[in-house]
Amino acid sequence: MPKVTIVGAGNVGATAAHIIASKNLADVVLVDVAEGLPQGKALDMMHMRGVEKFTVTVSGSNDYEATKDSDVVVITAGIARKPGMTREDLLGVNAGIMSSVIDAALEASPDAVYICVTNPLDVMTYLAYKKSGLPTNRLMGMGGVLDSSRLSFAVCEKLGCLPEDVEAWALGAHGEGMVCWPRFTTVQGTPITELMSEDDVEAVVERTVKGGAEVVAHLKTGSAYYAPGASIAKMVEAILGDTKEIMSVCAYIDGEYGIEDLYMNIPVRLGKGGVEEIVEFDLTDDELAALQASAASVRAGLANLPE
């Protein structure tokens, strides 16, 4: 049975563990610095096995020894965004957390595929890349799957269609600088640019870009975790199942789309090797310029990384 470690037993990490276990994808180890937290949540999930009938195990630990030889390591550790905070506000604190986590996780599981979730995502994933020395195919971030799912929701809300009929593409920076591709976002194969007015397309894109902040505004004391948890599980499933599915993933770009030495959400093919291919869409000049502008916003964030 494959083994997945999730670092951080907060809402996002625990939700991801729940979904991965419920799908019977892998044994899961929850790791957290808080004594009792990962153990308690893991035990609660094991008590759920009799209801959902999954056969994998979920365990909790405060020690990375328990994570040894994982196939996939998901890093969710870090403080969550609070109302009024931007992802960039999180930079200083979460950079320190990411540095310590990647060192410990890598010592226990040097051959794993790593998925970063900690915000600000693009910057934290690049930091993990520089800190770890991992090959770029085995290090990625979760952001594009979530953003694309939010775009799918906004399209369904506007058109009254079913999620299974929608293919949505949100890319670029994970946050205010994200880019949506309406021309490639389709309902039963028809681009949404042919199904709604230009104003409605703009409204759908705006709803997507503000989606995370909208959740934060409602919750007041935290940020999203159901959709992020499901997005993590989707990526884990593609890697462990070697599905070769193309999805929006925060991956290393070195020349594709005219962008170099940067982590950002782009279309990639996921499989057992991690990021197995960067897929280049045939963009218009305006679409390419928007993606490159989004890349520039990520690069500006990198300039604020603590030494």
C-alpha atoms as a PDB file:
ATOM      1  CA  MET A   1       0.000   0.000   0.000  1.00  0.00           C
ATOM      2  CA  PRO A   2       1.414   3.447  -0.888  1.00  0.00           C
ATOM      3  CA  LYS A   3       2.222   5.823   1.960  1.00  0.00           C
ATOM      4  CA  VAL A   4       1.347   9.520   2.070  1.00  0.00           C
ATOM      5  CA  THR A   5       2.623  11.885   4.735  1.00  0.00           C
ATOM      6  CA  ILE A   6       0.734  15.090   5.452  1.00  0.00           C
ATOM      7  CA  VAL A   7       2.703  17.642   7.454  1.00  0.00           C
ATOM      8  CA  GLY A   8       0.264  19.816   9.369  1.00  0.00           C
ATOM      9  CA  ALA A   9      -2.818  18.341  11.043  1.00  0.00           C
ATOM     10  CA  GLY A  10      -4.906  21.497  10.822  1.00  0.00           C
ATOM     11  CA  ASN A  11      -8.098  21.795   8.801  1.00  0.00           C
ATOM     12  CA  VAL A  12      -6.469  21.506   5.359  1.00  0.00           C
ATOM     13  CA  GLY A  13      -4.183  18.611   6.246  1.00  0.00           C
ATOM     14  CA  ALA A  14      -6.846  16.672   8.135  1.00  0.00           C
ATOM     15  CA  THR A  15      -9.405  17.169   5.364  1.00  0.00           C
ATOM     16  CA  ALA A  16      -6.909  15.914   2.778  1.00  0.00           C
ATOM     17  CA  ALA A  17      -6.152  12.895   4.978  1.00  0.00           C
ATOM     18  CA  HIS A  18      -9.868  12.167   5.321  1.00  0.00           C
ATOM     19  CA  ILE A  19     -10.463  12.245   1.564  1.00  0.00           C
ATOM     20  CA  ILE A  20      -7.340  10.220   0.715  1.00  0.00           C
ATOM     21  CA  ALA A  21      -8.362   7.571   3.235  1.00  0.00           C
ATOM     22  CA  SER A  22     -12.003   7.558   2.122  1.00  0.00           C
ATOM     23  CA  LYS A  23     -10.843   6.967  -1.450  1.00  0.00           C
ATOM     24  CA  ASN A  24      -8.607   4.129  -0.196  1.00  0.00           C
ATOM     25  CA  LEU A  25      -5.633   5.694  -1.981  1.00  0.00           C
ATOM     26  CA  ALA A  26      -2.863   5.183   0.591  1.00  0.00           C
ATOM     27  CA  ASP A  27      -1.920   4.763   4.216  1.00  0.00           C
ATOM     28  CA  VAL A  28      -1.713   8.270   5.670  1.00  0.00           C
ATOM     29  CA  VAL A  29       0.588   9.662   8.350  1.00  0.00           C
ATOM     30  CA  LEU A  30      -0.402  13.003   9.875  1.00  0.00           C
ATOM     31  CA  VAL A  31       2.517  14.890  11.429  1.00  0.00           C
ATOM     32  CA  ASP A  32       2.279  18.019  13.540  1.00  0.00           C
ATOM     33  CA  VAL A  33       4.270  19.789  16.249  1.00  0.00           C
ATOM     34  CA  ALA A  34       1.195  19.980  18.485  1.00  0.00           C
ATOM     35  CA  GLU A  35       1.191  16.992  20.831  1.00  0.00           C
ATOM     36  CA  GLY A  36      -1.957  14.909  20.551  1.00  0.00           C
ATOM     37  CA  LEU A  37      -3.438  16.773  17.594  1.00  0.00           C
ATOM     38  CA  PRO A  38      -2.361  14.418  14.772  1.00  0.00           C
ATOM     39  CA  GLN A  39      -2.872  11.373  16.994  1.00  0.00           C
ATOM     40  CA  GLY A  40      -6.401  12.412  17.937  1.00  0.00           C
ATOM     41  CA  LYS A  41      -7.501  13.272  14.413  1.00  0.00           C
ATOM     42  CA  ALA A  42      -5.972  10.074  13.040  1.00  0.00           C
ATOM     43  CA  LEU A  43      -7.757   7.966  15.642  1.00  0.00           C
ATOM     44  CA  ASP A  44     -11.037   9.699  14.873  1.00  0.00           C
ATOM     45  CA  MET A  45     -10.590   8.828  11.188  1.00  0.00           C
ATOM     46  CA  MET A  46      -9.788   5.221  12.041  1.00  0.00           C
ATOM     47  CA  HIS A  47     -13.027   5.083  14.030  1.00  0.00           C
ATOM     48  CA  MET A  48     -14.706   6.121  10.768  1.00  0.00           C
ATOM     49  CA  ARG A  49     -13.433   3.056   8.887  1.00  0.00           C
ATOM     50  CA  GLY A  50     -16.371   0.945   9.976  1.00  0.00           C
ATOM     51  CA  VAL A  51     -18.733   3.471   8.412  1.00  0.00           C
ATOM     52  CA  GLU A  52     -16.917   4.183   5.163  1.00  0.00           C
ATOM     53  CA  LYS A  53     -15.328   0.711   4.858  1.00  0.00           C
ATOM     54  CA  PHE A  54     -11.898   1.865   3.707  1.00  0.00           C
ATOM     55  CA  THR A  55      -8.981  -0.448   4.442  1.00  0.00           C
ATOM     56  CA  VAL A  56      -6.025   1.956   4.552  1.00  0.00           C
ATOM     57  CA  THR A  57      -4.693   3.242   7.872  1.00  0.00           C
ATOM     58  CA  VAL A  58      -4.411   6.776   9.229  1.00  0.00           C
ATOM     59  CA  SER A  59      -1.869   7.415  11.979  1.00  0.00           C
ATOM     60  CA  GLY A  60      -0.628  10.511  13.778  1.00  0.00           C
ATOM     61  CA  SER A  61       2.797  11.453  15.093  1.00  0.00           C
ATOM     62  CA  ASN A  62       4.971  14.329  16.283  1.00  0.00           C
ATOM     63  CA  ASP A  63       8.053  12.541  14.943  1.00  0.00           C
ATOM     64  CA  TYR A  64       9.203  12.423  11.325  1.00  0.00           C
ATOM     65  CA  GLU A  65      10.507   8.890  11.876  1.00  0.00           C
ATOM     66  CA  ALA A  66       6.905   7.769  11.380  1.00  0.00           C
ATOM     67  CA  THR A  67       6.947   9.270   7.873  1.00  0.00           C
ATOM     68  CA  LYS A  68       9.934   7.230   6.687  1.00  0.00           C
ATOM     69  CA  ASP A  69       9.862   6.097   3.045  1.00  0.00           C
ATOM     70  CA  SER A  70       6.687   7.926   2.068  1.00  0.00           C
ATOM     71  CA  ASP A  71       5.700   7.936  -1.602  1.00  0.00           C
ATOM     72  CA  VAL A  72       4.158  11.411  -1.402  1.00  0.00           C
ATOM     73  CA  VAL A  73       4.733  14.152   1.174  1.00  0.00           C
ATOM     74  CA  VAL A  74       2.208  16.985   1.403  1.00  0.00           C
ATOM     75  CA  ILE A  75       3.265  20.108   3.300  1.00  0.00           C
ATOM     76  CA  THR A  76       0.358  22.114   4.697  1.00  0.00           C
ATOM     77  CA  ALA A  77       2.160  23.387   7.811  1.00  0.00           C
ATOM     78  CA  GLY A  78       1.988  27.129   8.385  1.00  0.00           C
ATOM     79  CA  ILE A  79      -0.318  29.766   9.779  1.00  0.00           C
ATOM     80  CA  ALA A  80      -3.630  30.247   7.994  1.00  0.00           C
ATOM     81  CA  ARG A  81      -4.791  33.498   6.476  1.00  0.00           C
ATOM     82  CA  LYS A  82      -7.019  35.662   8.656  1.00  0.00           C
ATOM     83  CA  PRO A  83      -9.414  38.425   7.556  1.00  0.00           C
ATOM     84  CA  GLY A  84      -7.510  41.383   6.166  1.00  0.00           C
ATOM     85  CA  MET A  85      -4.366  39.329   5.544  1.00  0.00           C
ATOM     86  CA  THR A  86      -2.946  38.753   2.088  1.00  0.00           C
ATOM     87  CA  ARG A  87      -0.987  35.632   1.225  1.00  0.00           C
ATOM     88  CA  GLU A  88       2.110  37.825   1.191  1.00  0.00           C
ATOM     89  CA  ASP A  89       1.503  38.800   4.825  1.00  0.00           C
ATOM     90  CA  LEU A  90       2.174  35.169   5.663  1.00  0.00           C
ATOM     91  CA  LEU A  91       5.600  35.167   4.043  1.00  0.00           C
ATOM     92  CA  GLY A  92       7.934  35.755   6.956  1.00  0.00           C
ATOM     93  CA  VAL A  93       6.412  33.248   9.374  1.00  0.00           C
ATOM     94  CA  ASN A  94       5.710  30.518   6.861  1.00  0.00           C
ATOM     95  CA  ALA A  95       9.136  30.741   5.224  1.00  0.00           C
ATOM     96  CA  GLY A  96      10.710  29.661   8.501  1.00  0.00           C
ATOM     97  CA  ILE A  97       8.218  26.836   8.923  1.00  0.00           C
ATOM     98  CA  MET A  98       8.738  25.597   5.359  1.00  0.00           C
ATOM     99  CA  SER A  99      12.527  25.550   5.740  1.00  0.00           C
ATOM    100  CA  SER A 100      12.440  23.392   8.866  1.00  0.00           C
ATOM    101  CA  VAL A 101       9.738  21.053   7.535  1.00  0.00           C
ATOM    102  CA  ILE A 102      11.387  20.339   4.184  1.00  0.00           C
ATOM    103  CA  ASP A 103      14.668  19.446   5.895  1.00  0.00           C
ATOM    104  CA  ALA A 104      13.030  16.968   8.278  1.00  0.00           C
ATOM    105  CA  ALA A 105      10.707  15.432   5.699  1.00  0.00           C
ATOM    106  CA  LEU A 106      13.454  15.023   3.121  1.00  0.00           C
ATOM    107  CA  GLU A 107      15.711  13.185   5.569  1.00  0.00           C
ATOM    108  CA  ALA A 108      12.953  10.638   6.190  1.00  0.00           C
ATOM    109  CA  SER A 109      11.671  10.347   2.597  1.00  0.00           C
ATOM    110  CA  PRO A 110      14.366  11.374   0.094  1.00  0.00           C
ATOM    111  CA  ASP A 111      12.633   9.693  -2.868  1.00  0.00           C
ATOM    112  CA  ALA A 112       9.095  11.009  -2.344  1.00  0.00           C
ATOM    113  CA  VAL A 113       7.113  13.357  -4.555  1.00  0.00           C
ATOM    114  CA  TYR A 114       6.532  16.586  -2.611  1.00  0.00           C
ATOM    115  CA  ILE A 115       3.433  18.784  -2.799  1.00  0.00           C
ATOM    116  CA  CYS A 116       3.600  22.197  -1.114  1.00  0.00           C
ATOM    117  CA  VAL A 117       0.365  23.799   0.053  1.00  0.00           C
ATOM    118  CA  THR A 118       1.628  26.451   2.475  1.00  0.00           C
ATOM    119  CA  ASN A 119       0.880  30.037   1.413  1.00  0.00           C
ATOM    120  CA  PRO A 120       2.023  32.201  -0.274  1.00  0.00           C
ATOM    121  CA  LEU A 121       2.134  29.108  -2.464  1.00  0.00           C
ATOM    122  CA  ASP A 122       4.336  30.057  -5.397  1.00  0.00           C
ATOM    123  CA  VAL A 123       6.992  31.616  -3.183  1.00  0.00           C
ATOM    124  CA  MET A 124       6.927  28.790  -0.614  1.00  0.00           C
ATOM    125  CA  THR A 125       7.273  26.146  -3.333  1.00  0.00           C
ATOM    126  CA  TYR A 126      10.241  27.970  -4.832  1.00  0.00           C
ATOM    127  CA  LEU A 127      11.776  28.242  -1.355  1.00  0.00           C
ATOM    128  CA  ALA A 128      11.333  24.483  -0.872  1.00  0.00           C
ATOM    129  CA  TYR A 129      12.996  23.927  -4.254  1.00  0.00           C
ATOM    130  CA  LYS A 130      16.026  26.015  -3.325  1.00  0.00           C
ATOM    131  CA  LYS A 131      16.221  24.536   0.165  1.00  0.00           C
ATOM    132  CA  SER A 132      15.775  20.881  -0.790  1.00  0.00           C
ATOM    133  CA  GLY A 133      17.677  20.442  -4.037  1.00  0.00           C
ATOM    134  CA  LEU A 134      14.887  18.124  -5.192  1.00  0.00           C
ATOM    135  CA  PRO A 135      14.502  17.512  -8.932  1.00  0.00           C
ATOM    136  CA  THR A 136      11.750  19.779 -10.213  1.00  0.00           C
ATOM    137  CA  ASN A 137       9.533  16.913 -11.363  1.00  0.00           C
ATOM    138  CA  ARG A 138       9.280  15.684  -7.742  1.00  0.00           C
ATOM    139  CA  LEU A 139       8.439  19.058  -6.202  1.00  0.00           C
ATOM    140  CA  MET A 140       5.257  20.976  -6.946  1.00  0.00           C
ATOM    141  CA  GLY A 141       2.580  23.090  -5.317  1.00  0.00           C
ATOM    142  CA  MET A 142      -1.191  22.764  -5.001  1.00  0.00           C
ATOM    143  CA  GLY A 143      -2.988  25.872  -6.163  1.00  0.00           C
ATOM    144  CA  GLY A 144      -4.137  25.546  -9.734  1.00  0.00           C
ATOM    145  CA  VAL A 145      -6.427  22.581  -9.066  1.00  0.00           C
ATOM    146  CA  LEU A 146      -8.163  24.604  -6.353  1.00  0.00           C
ATOM    147  CA  ASP A 147      -8.391  27.783  -8.432  1.00  0.00           C
ATOM    148  CA  SER A 148      -9.711  25.848 -11.431  1.00  0.00           C
ATOM    149  CA  SER A 149     -12.346  24.218  -9.216  1.00  0.00           C
ATOM    150  CA  ARG A 150     -13.435  27.657  -8.018  1.00  0.00           C
ATOM    151  CA  LEU A 151     -13.701  28.750 -11.651  1.00  0.00           C
ATOM    152  CA  SER A 152     -15.791  25.657 -12.392  1.00  0.00           C
ATOM    153  CA  PHE A 153     -18.112  26.574  -9.504  1.00  0.00           C
ATOM    154  CA  ALA A 154     -18.497  30.144 -10.775  1.00  0.00           C
ATOM    155  CA  VAL A 155     -19.309  28.876 -14.284  1.00  0.00           C
ATOM    156  CA  CYS A 156     -21.892  26.401 -12.939  1.00  0.00           C
ATOM    157  CA  GLU A 157     -23.420  29.105 -10.765  1.00  0.00           C
ATOM    158  CA  LYS A 158     -23.756  31.440 -13.738  1.00  0.00           C
ATOM    159  CA  LEU A 159     -24.977  28.904 -16.330  1.00  0.00           C
ATOM    160  CA  GLY A 160     -26.730  26.334 -14.165  1.00  0.00           C
ATOM    161  CA  CYS A 161     -24.626  23.522 -15.641  1.00  0.00           C
ATOM    162  CA  LEU A 162     -23.191  20.424 -13.967  1.00  0.00           C
ATOM    163  CA  PRO A 163     -19.573  20.295 -12.692  1.00  0.00           C
ATOM    164  CA  GLU A 164     -18.939  17.109 -14.683  1.00  0.00           C
ATOM    165  CA  ASP A 165     -19.599  19.056 -17.905  1.00  0.00           C
ATOM    166  CA  VAL A 166     -17.103  21.824 -17.113  1.00  0.00           C
ATOM    167  CA  GLU A 167     -13.389  21.908 -17.866  1.00  0.00           C
ATOM    168  CA  ALA A 168     -11.960  25.005 -16.192  1.00  0.00           C
ATOM    169  CA  TRP A 169      -8.504  26.546 -16.362  1.00  0.00           C
ATOM    170  CA  ALA A 170      -7.115  28.952 -13.769  1.00  0.00           C
ATOM    171  CA  LEU A 171      -3.369  29.459 -13.793  1.00  0.00           C
ATOM    172  CA  GLY A 172      -0.544  31.815 -12.914  1.00  0.00           C
ATOM    173  CA  ALA A 173      -0.028  33.100  -9.390  1.00  0.00           C
ATOM    174  CA  HIS A 174      -2.149  31.528  -6.651  1.00  0.00           C
ATOM    175  CA  GLY A 175      -3.944  34.590  -5.352  1.00  0.00           C
ATOM    176  CA  GLU A 176      -4.890  38.011  -6.635  1.00  0.00           C
ATOM    177  CA  GLY A 177      -2.502  37.660  -9.586  1.00  0.00           C
ATOM    178  CA  MET A 178      -4.093  34.497 -10.982  1.00  0.00           C
ATOM    179  CA  VAL A 179      -5.069  34.236 -14.634  1.00  0.00           C
ATOM    180  CA  CYS A 180      -8.191  32.509 -15.947  1.00  0.00           C
ATOM    181  CA  TRP A 181      -8.414  31.187 -19.493  1.00  0.00           C
ATOM    182  CA  PRO A 182     -12.079  31.616 -20.556  1.00  0.00           C
ATOM    183  CA  ARG A 183     -11.301  30.524 -24.125  1.00  0.00           C
ATOM    184  CA  PHE A 184     -10.157  27.126 -22.842  1.00  0.00           C
ATOM    185  CA  THR A 185     -12.799  26.865 -20.112  1.00  0.00           C
ATOM    186  CA  THR A 186     -15.618  24.838 -21.615  1.00  0.00           C
ATOM    187  CA  VAL A 187     -19.057  23.411 -20.917  1.00  0.00           C
ATOM    188  CA  GLN A 188     -19.544  20.150 -22.820  1.00  0.00           C
ATOM    189  CA  GLY A 189     -16.704  21.263 -25.090  1.00  0.00           C
ATOM    190  CA  THR A 190     -18.053  24.760 -25.845  1.00  0.00           C
ATOM    191  CA  PRO A 191     -15.941  27.706 -24.596  1.00  0.00           C
ATOM    192  CA  ILE A 192     -17.709  29.886 -22.045  1.00  0.00           C
ATOM    193  CA  THR A 193     -16.858  32.866 -24.262  1.00  0.00           C
ATOM    194  CA  GLU A 194     -19.546  31.502 -26.604  1.00  0.00           C
ATOM    195  CA  LEU A 195     -22.052  30.804 -23.828  1.00  0.00           C
ATOM    196  CA  MET A 196     -22.109  34.077 -21.911  1.00  0.00           C
ATOM    197  CA  SER A 197     -21.596  37.772 -22.441  1.00  0.00           C
ATOM    198  CA  GLU A 198     -18.235  39.456 -21.994  1.00  0.00           C
ATOM    199  CA  ASP A 199     -19.530  41.076 -18.787  1.00  0.00           C
ATOM    200  CA  ASP A 200     -20.601  37.686 -17.443  1.00  0.00           C
ATOM    201  CA  VAL A 201     -17.211  36.180 -18.285  1.00  0.00           C
ATOM    202  CA  GLU A 202     -15.544  39.007 -16.371  1.00  0.00           C
ATOM    203  CA  ALA A 203     -17.872  38.440 -13.423  1.00  0.00           C
ATOM    204  CA  VAL A 204     -17.073  34.713 -13.375  1.00  0.00           C
ATOM    205  CA  VAL A 205     -13.340  35.432 -13.455  1.00  0.00           C
ATOM    206  CA  GLU A 206     -13.685  38.003 -10.655  1.00  0.00           C
ATOM    207  CA  ARG A 207     -15.646  35.512  -8.536  1.00  0.00           C
ATOM    208  CA  THR A 208     -12.820  33.004  -9.027  1.00  0.00           C
ATOM    209  CA  VAL A 209      -9.999  35.388  -8.183  1.00  0.00           C
ATOM    210  CA  LYS A 210     -11.787  36.542  -5.026  1.00  0.00           C
ATOM    211  CA  GLY A 211     -12.949  33.020  -4.093  1.00  0.00           C
ATOM    212  CA  GLY A 212     -10.444  32.374  -1.317  1.00  0.00           C
ATOM    213  CA  ALA A 213     -10.903  35.822   0.209  1.00  0.00           C
ATOM    214  CA  GLU A 214     -14.685  35.372   0.068  1.00  0.00           C
ATOM    215  CA  VAL A 215     -14.426  32.200   2.161  1.00  0.00           C
ATOM    216  CA  VAL A 216     -12.126  33.955   4.651  1.00  0.00           C
ATOM    217  CA  ALA A 217     -14.574  36.856   4.952  1.00  0.00           C
ATOM    218  CA  HIS A 218     -17.409  34.472   5.820  1.00  0.00           C
ATOM    219  CA  LEU A 219     -15.441  32.322   8.271  1.00  0.00           C
ATOM    220  CA  LYS A 220     -13.799  35.297  10.005  1.00  0.00           C
ATOM    221  CA  THR A 221     -11.439  33.060  11.993  1.00  0.00           C
ATOM    222  CA  GLY A 222      -9.852  30.900   9.303  1.00  0.00           C
ATOM    223  CA  SER A 223      -9.574  30.051   5.640  1.00  0.00           C
ATOM    224  CA  ALA A 224     -10.807  27.415   3.188  1.00  0.00           C
ATOM    225  CA  TYR A 225     -10.098  23.740   3.796  1.00  0.00           C
ATOM    226  CA  TYR A 226     -12.702  21.484   2.147  1.00  0.00           C
ATOM    227  CA  ALA A 227     -11.833  22.482  -1.424  1.00  0.00           C
ATOM    228  CA  PRO A 228      -8.063  22.658  -0.738  1.00  0.00           C
ATOM    229  CA  GLY A 229      -8.199  19.216   0.912  1.00  0.00           C
ATOM    230  CA  ALA A 230     -10.041  17.754  -2.071  1.00  0.00           C
ATOM    231  CA  SER A 231      -7.562  19.382  -4.457  1.00  0.00           C
ATOM    232  CA  ILE A 232      -4.631  17.805  -2.617  1.00  0.00           C
ATOM    233  CA  ALA A 233      -6.314  14.400  -2.809  1.00  0.00           C
ATOM    234  CA  LYS A 234      -6.894  14.882  -6.541  1.00  0.00           C
ATOM    235  CA  MET A 235      -3.175  15.433  -7.113  1.00  0.00           C
ATOM    236  CA  VAL A 236      -2.188  12.526  -4.861  1.00  0.00           C
ATOM    237  CA  GLU A 237      -4.581  10.261  -6.773  1.00  0.00           C
ATOM    238  CA  ALA A 238      -3.043  11.299 -10.118  1.00  0.00           C
ATOM    239  CA  ILE A 239       0.486  10.589  -8.844  1.00  0.00           C
ATOM    240  CA  LEU A 240      -0.179   7.281  -7.079  1.00  0.00           C
ATOM    241  CA  GLY A 241      -2.512   6.089  -9.840  1.00  0.00           C
ATOM    242  CA  ASP A 242      -0.161   7.271 -12.610  1.00  0.00           C
ATOM    243  CA  THR A 243      -3.187   8.725 -14.391  1.00  0.00           C
ATOM    244  CA  LYS A 244      -1.257  11.141 -16.662  1.00  0.00           C
ATOM    245  CA  GLU A 245      -4.098  13.629 -16.159  1.00  0.00           C
ATOM    246  CA  ILE A 246      -3.454  17.208 -17.249  1.00  0.00           C
ATOM    247  CA  MET A 247      -4.249  19.759 -14.555  1.00  0.00           C
ATOM    248  CA  SER A 248      -3.156  23.169 -13.326  1.00  0.00           C
ATOM    249  CA  VAL A 249      -0.243  22.685 -10.910  1.00  0.00           C
ATOM    250  CA  CYS A 250       2.343  24.997  -9.362  1.00  0.00           C
ATOM    251  CA  ALA A 251       5.345  23.615 -11.246  1.00  0.00           C
ATOM    252  CA  TYR A 252       8.835  24.757 -12.141  1.00  0.00           C
ATOM    253  CA  ILE A 253       8.961  26.732 -15.375  1.00  0.00           C
ATOM    254  CA  ASP A 254      12.234  27.183 -17.210  1.00  0.00           C
ATOM    255  CA  GLY A 255      11.537  28.570 -20.670  1.00  0.00           C
ATOM    256  CA  GLU A 256       7.966  27.449 -21.251  1.00  0.00           C
ATOM    257  CA  TYR A 257       5.569  30.317 -22.004  1.00  0.00           C
ATOM    258  CA  GLY A 258       8.632  32.602 -22.125  1.00  0.00           C
ATOM    259  CA  ILE A 259       9.059  32.312 -18.324  1.00  0.00           C
ATOM    260  CA  GLU A 260      12.259  31.179 -16.636  1.00  0.00           C
ATOM    261  CA  ASP A 261      13.292  29.905 -13.175  1.00  0.00           C
ATOM    262  CA  LEU A 262       9.916  30.260 -11.472  1.00  0.00           C
ATOM    263  CA  TYR A 263       7.265  28.162  -9.747  1.00  0.00           C
ATOM    264  CA  MET A 264       3.744  29.014 -10.874  1.00  0.00           C
ATOM    265  CA  ASN A 265       0.495  27.297 -11.849  1.00  0.00           C
ATOM    266  CA  ILE A 266       0.621  25.952 -15.392  1.00  0.00           C
ATOM    267  CA  PRO A 267      -0.921  22.955 -17.192  1.00  0.00           C
ATOM    268  CA  VAL A 268       1.090  19.812 -16.443  1.00  0.00           C
ATOM    269  CA  ARG A 269       0.689  16.069 -16.866  1.00  0.00           C
ATOM    270  CA  LEU A 270       0.820  14.299 -13.484  1.00  0.00           C
ATOM    271  CA  GLY A 271       1.909  10.701 -13.026  1.00  0.00           C
ATOM    272  CA  LYS A 272       4.049   8.474 -10.858  1.00  0.00           C
ATOM    273  CA  GLY A 273       7.114  10.573 -11.716  1.00  0.00           C
ATOM    274  CA  GLY A 274       5.374  13.715 -10.488  1.00  0.00           C
ATOM    275  CA  VAL A 275       5.328  16.472 -13.084  1.00  0.00           C
ATOM    276  CA  GLU A 276       5.947  14.397 -16.194  1.00  0.00           C
ATOM    277  CA  GLU A 277       5.284  17.091 -18.795  1.00  0.00           C
ATOM    278  CA  ILE A 278       4.560  20.791 -18.981  1.00  0.00           C
ATOM    279  CA  VAL A 279       1.749  21.235 -21.490  1.00  0.00           C
ATOM    280  CA  GLU A 280       1.902  24.400 -23.580  1.00  0.00           C
ATOM    281  CA  PHE A 281      -1.424  25.738 -24.802  1.00  0.00           C
ATOM    282  CA  ASP A 282      -1.575  27.801 -27.991  1.00  0.00           C
ATOM    283  CA  LEU A 283      -2.152  31.229 -26.464  1.00  0.00           C
ATOM    284  CA  THR A 284      -3.007  34.543 -28.055  1.00  0.00           C
ATOM    285  CA  ASP A 285      -0.613  37.441 -27.490  1.00  0.00           C
ATOM    286  CA  ASP A 286      -2.950  38.888 -24.850  1.00  0.00           C
ATOM    287  CA  GLU A 287      -3.273  35.565 -23.006  1.00  0.00           C
ATOM    288  CA  LEU A 288       0.483  35.092 -22.998  1.00  0.00           C
ATOM    289  CA  ALA A 289       1.054  38.660 -21.800  1.00  0.00           C
ATOM    290  CA  ALA A 290      -1.385  38.109 -18.909  1.00  0.00           C
ATOM    291  CA  LEU A 291       0.406  34.916 -17.867  1.00  0.00           C
ATOM    292  CA  GLN A 292       3.778  36.643 -18.003  1.00  0.00           C
ATOM    293  CA  ALA A 293       2.430  39.556 -15.949  1.00  0.00           C
ATOM    294  CA  SER A 294       1.245  37.042 -13.364  1.00  0.00           C
ATOM    295  CA  ALA A 295       4.745  35.563 -13.359  1.00  0.00           C
ATOM    296  CA  ALA A 296       6.166  39.022 -12.687  1.00  0.00           C
ATOM    297  CA  SER A 297       3.946  39.309  -9.591  1.00  0.00           C
ATOM    298  CA  VAL A 298       5.330  35.987  -8.301  1.00  0.00           C
ATOM    299  CA  ARG A 299       8.875  37.178  -8.929  1.00  0.00           C
ATOM    300  CA  ALA A 300       8.150  40.301  -6.910  1.00  0.00           C
ATOM    301  CA  GLY A 301       7.096  38.077  -4.022  1.00  0.00           C
ATOM    302  CA  LEU A 302      10.346  36.137  -4.255  1.00  0.00           C
ATOM    303  CA  ALA A 303      12.236  39.379  -3.739  1.00  0.00           C
ATOM    304  CA  ASN A 304      10.674  39.582  -0.255  1.00  0.00           C
ATOM    305  CA  LEU A 305      11.913  36.168   0.879  1.00  0.00           C
ATOM    306  CA  PRO A 306      13.949  36.455   4.068  1.00  0.00           C
ATOM    307  CA  GLU A 307      17.651  35.735   3.661  1.00  0.00           C
END
